[in-house]
Amino acid sequence: MTQPSDRRRPPPPAYPPGPGIRDQSAGYILNADRDAYLDQSYRQYVHTVVQQRRSFLRDVAATRTRARGLVGVGFTMFLVGFGAFAYGILRFLADGAQALEQVSSGPTTYPDLTTFTDLTTLPDTTFPDMTSPFGPPVLGVPLGLLGWGLAALGVLVMIVGGVLHVVATAKRHRVDREHPEPPPVRPPWWDETSAWGGR
């Protein structure tokens, strides 16, 4: 009879027991399914980024078009308003020059007013009728004031158009910074950040 201590025990395993996979070796490993999956996920990523870029760039283009239109309308309003204001001022100056000419061509000697008892016998020395310094009235408001208001409104519209143009330019730079155009071929870093590895 053999004693239990006499029996030979099997040698302990070279690796500790438990789940785990050690290094594997083979002559050729085919990762075609993995590469196809990575290519497909990258194509979906590129499609999404390109669609987002196009959407943002359409918004930027629409804002720029609106800004250019506002600047054009504002500049036209300014020109028309300035022209109306200048017309009123120039007409007033022309009426003033005409009045001075009329007065200077009148009588050079004036009667002694202390000798007259009846004021109806005085000679006609009145000034000609002069318009307002801002031109003739249009709808009860002098044309020059209407022109000044239109020019001021035109400047305000140009400022709004300029601000919109600056905002559109800033959005364009933001799109280029936050959504850069992806390369058409899958870059090497995609393999580590893909859905396989945690993208």
Protein backbone atom coordinates (compact mmCIF):
# COMPACT_ATOMS: atom_id res chain seq x y z
CA MET A 1 0.00 0.00 0.00
CA THR A 2 1.15 3.38 -0.80
CA GLN A 3 0.79 6.23 1.49
CA PRO A 4 -0.90 9.44 0.22
CA SER A 5 2.33 11.33 0.74
CA ASP A 6 4.14 8.95 -1.52
CA ARG A 7 2.03 9.67 -4.54
CA ARG A 8 3.49 12.04 -7.00
CA ARG A 9 1.55 15.19 -7.54
CA PRO A 10 1.26 16.73 -10.99
CA PRO A 11 3.50 19.74 -11.52
CA PRO A 12 1.84 23.14 -11.07
CA PRO A 13 0.77 24.94 -14.30
CA ALA A 14 3.24 27.32 -15.90
CA TYR A 15 0.62 30.10 -15.88
CA PRO A 16 -1.79 30.87 -13.09
CA PRO A 17 -5.26 29.44 -13.64
CA GLY A 18 -8.09 31.81 -14.59
CA PRO A 19 -9.54 33.59 -17.59
CA GLY A 20 -7.14 35.33 -19.92
CA ILE A 21 -5.65 35.13 -23.32
CA ARG A 22 -1.95 35.02 -23.80
CA ASP A 23 -0.05 36.06 -26.87
CA GLN A 24 -1.12 34.37 -30.04
CA SER A 25 0.93 33.89 -33.11
CA ALA A 26 0.05 32.97 -36.64
CA GLY A 27 1.53 33.27 -40.07
CA TYR A 28 -1.19 35.67 -41.36
CA ILE A 29 -4.06 37.40 -39.51
CA LEU A 30 -6.89 38.76 -41.63
CA ASN A 31 -8.72 41.78 -40.15
CA ALA A 32 -10.89 42.44 -43.20
CA ASP A 33 -14.13 42.69 -41.22
CA ARG A 34 -12.55 45.11 -38.78
CA ASP A 35 -11.15 47.26 -41.58
CA ALA A 36 -14.45 47.24 -43.44
CA TYR A 37 -16.25 48.31 -40.28
CA LEU A 38 -13.73 51.09 -39.66
CA ASP A 39 -14.01 52.28 -43.26
CA GLN A 40 -17.79 52.35 -43.05
CA SER A 41 -17.83 54.19 -39.72
CA TYR A 42 -15.30 56.71 -41.06
CA ARG A 43 -17.41 57.29 -44.19
CA GLN A 44 -20.44 57.93 -41.95
CA TYR A 45 -18.38 60.35 -39.88
CA VAL A 46 -17.19 62.20 -42.99
CA HIS A 47 -20.74 62.37 -44.33
CA THR A 48 -22.02 63.81 -41.02
CA VAL A 49 -19.25 66.41 -40.78
CA VAL A 50 -19.66 67.45 -44.42
CA GLN A 51 -23.43 67.83 -43.97
CA GLN A 52 -22.92 69.95 -40.83
CA ARG A 53 -20.34 72.11 -42.61
CA ARG A 54 -22.65 72.63 -45.58
CA SER A 55 -25.54 73.59 -43.30
CA PHE A 56 -23.43 76.08 -41.35
CA LEU A 57 -21.89 77.52 -44.51
CA ARG A 58 -25.35 77.98 -46.08
CA ASP A 59 -26.37 79.98 -43.00
CA VAL A 60 -23.18 82.04 -43.25
CA ALA A 61 -23.77 82.74 -46.95
CA ALA A 62 -27.38 83.80 -46.29
CA THR A 63 -26.23 86.15 -43.52
CA ARG A 64 -23.57 87.66 -45.78
CA THR A 65 -26.11 88.21 -48.55
CA ARG A 66 -28.47 89.93 -46.12
CA ALA A 67 -25.62 92.06 -44.81
CA ARG A 68 -24.60 93.17 -48.30
CA GLY A 69 -28.23 94.01 -49.13
CA LEU A 70 -28.60 96.07 -45.96
CA VAL A 71 -25.38 97.97 -46.66
CA GLY A 72 -26.58 98.72 -50.21
CA VAL A 73 -30.03 99.85 -49.10
CA GLY A 74 -28.54 101.95 -46.30
CA PHE A 75 -26.08 103.63 -48.65
CA THR A 76 -28.88 104.43 -51.12
CA MET A 77 -31.01 105.87 -48.32
CA PHE A 78 -28.05 107.97 -47.17
CA LEU A 79 -27.44 109.35 -50.67
CA VAL A 80 -31.12 110.22 -51.24
CA GLY A 81 -31.43 111.79 -47.78
CA PHE A 82 -28.21 113.76 -48.15
CA GLY A 83 -29.35 114.98 -51.57
CA ALA A 84 -32.69 116.17 -50.17
CA PHE A 85 -30.97 117.90 -47.24
CA ALA A 86 -28.43 119.56 -49.55
CA TYR A 87 -31.22 120.68 -51.91
CA GLY A 88 -33.03 122.40 -49.04
CA ILE A 89 -29.89 124.18 -47.82
CA LEU A 90 -28.80 125.21 -51.34
CA ARG A 91 -32.27 126.51 -52.16
CA PHE A 92 -32.27 128.60 -48.98
CA LEU A 93 -28.85 130.03 -49.88
CA ALA A 94 -30.04 130.83 -53.41
CA ASP A 95 -33.16 132.58 -52.02
CA GLY A 96 -30.92 134.55 -49.64
CA ALA A 97 -28.64 135.66 -52.48
CA GLN A 98 -31.68 136.67 -54.53
CA ALA A 99 -33.07 138.65 -51.59
CA LEU A 100 -29.78 140.48 -51.11
CA GLU A 101 -29.67 141.32 -54.79
CA GLN A 102 -33.24 142.62 -54.72
CA VAL A 103 -32.57 144.76 -51.66
CA SER A 104 -29.34 146.17 -53.09
CA SER A 105 -31.09 147.14 -56.33
CA GLY A 106 -33.84 149.01 -54.42
CA PRO A 107 -33.87 152.71 -53.49
CA THR A 108 -30.67 153.98 -51.95
CA THR A 109 -32.27 156.88 -50.02
CA TYR A 110 -34.84 156.29 -47.38
CA PRO A 111 -37.34 158.90 -46.28
CA ASP A 112 -37.19 160.46 -42.85
CA LEU A 113 -39.75 158.52 -40.84
CA THR A 114 -40.19 161.30 -38.29
CA THR A 115 -41.95 163.49 -40.85
CA PHE A 116 -44.51 160.88 -41.89
CA THR A 117 -47.74 160.56 -40.04
CA ASP A 118 -49.35 157.99 -42.31
CA LEU A 119 -47.34 154.77 -42.61
CA THR A 120 -49.21 153.66 -45.74
CA THR A 121 -47.31 156.20 -47.80
CA LEU A 122 -43.92 154.62 -47.08
CA PRO A 123 -42.07 153.22 -50.09
CA ASP A 124 -42.01 149.44 -50.55
CA THR A 125 -38.77 148.24 -48.89
CA THR A 126 -39.89 144.76 -47.80
CA PHE A 127 -37.65 141.72 -48.26
CA PRO A 128 -38.70 139.05 -50.70
CA ASP A 129 -40.40 135.92 -49.41
CA MET A 130 -37.75 133.42 -48.30
CA THR A 131 -38.34 129.75 -47.73
CA SER A 132 -37.39 127.78 -44.62
CA PRO A 133 -33.65 127.12 -44.19
CA PHE A 134 -34.43 123.44 -44.74
CA GLY A 135 -36.26 123.80 -48.04
CA PRO A 136 -39.90 123.63 -49.08
CA PRO A 137 -42.34 121.65 -46.95
CA VAL A 138 -43.30 118.12 -47.97
CA LEU A 139 -46.34 116.78 -46.12
CA GLY A 140 -45.92 119.62 -43.66
CA VAL A 141 -42.27 118.83 -42.86
CA PRO A 142 -39.36 120.71 -44.45
CA LEU A 143 -37.62 118.67 -47.16
CA GLY A 144 -34.20 119.16 -45.59
CA LEU A 145 -35.33 117.65 -42.29
CA LEU A 146 -36.87 114.69 -44.10
CA GLY A 147 -33.62 114.23 -45.98
CA TRP A 148 -31.58 114.47 -42.79
CA GLY A 149 -33.77 111.81 -41.13
CA LEU A 150 -33.52 109.53 -44.18
CA ALA A 151 -29.73 109.93 -44.26
CA ALA A 152 -29.47 109.14 -40.53
CA LEU A 153 -31.65 106.06 -41.01
CA GLY A 154 -29.47 105.01 -43.94
CA VAL A 155 -26.34 105.24 -41.79
CA LEU A 156 -28.03 103.12 -39.12
CA VAL A 157 -29.00 100.48 -41.69
CA MET A 158 -25.40 100.45 -43.02
CA ILE A 159 -24.10 99.91 -39.47
CA VAL A 160 -26.50 96.97 -38.97
CA GLY A 161 -25.36 95.50 -42.30
CA GLY A 162 -21.71 95.89 -41.32
CA VAL A 163 -22.29 94.17 -37.97
CA LEU A 164 -24.07 91.28 -39.72
CA HIS A 165 -21.15 90.94 -42.13
CA VAL A 166 -18.67 90.78 -39.23
CA VAL A 167 -20.83 88.16 -37.49
CA ALA A 168 -20.98 86.09 -40.70
CA THR A 169 -17.19 86.23 -41.05
CA ALA A 170 -16.76 85.14 -37.42
CA LYS A 171 -19.17 82.24 -38.00
CA ARG A 172 -17.17 81.18 -41.05
CA HIS A 173 -13.95 81.07 -39.02
CA ARG A 174 -15.76 79.16 -36.27
CA VAL A 175 -16.99 76.55 -38.76
CA ASP A 176 -13.46 76.08 -40.08
CA ARG A 177 -12.13 75.74 -36.54
CA GLU A 178 -14.82 73.49 -35.01
CA HIS A 179 -15.74 71.41 -38.07
CA PRO A 180 -12.60 71.07 -40.20
CA GLU A 181 -12.88 69.31 -43.52
CA PRO A 182 -11.98 65.64 -42.83
CA PRO A 183 -9.49 63.89 -45.11
CA PRO A 184 -11.10 61.63 -47.71
CA VAL A 185 -9.00 58.61 -46.66
CA ARG A 186 -9.29 57.10 -43.20
CA PRO A 187 -6.41 58.46 -41.10
CA PRO A 188 -4.37 56.13 -38.85
CA TRP A 189 -5.66 57.71 -35.65
CA TRP A 190 -9.20 56.60 -36.56
CA ASP A 191 -8.34 52.98 -35.71
CA GLU A 192 -7.64 53.85 -32.06
CA THR A 193 -10.65 56.18 -31.63
CA SER A 194 -13.21 54.19 -33.58
CA ALA A 195 -16.26 52.39 -32.25
CA TRP A 196 -14.02 49.35 -31.68
CA GLY A 197 -11.85 51.34 -29.32
CA GLY A 198 -14.37 53.80 -27.88
CA ARG A 199 -15.31 56.48 -30.44
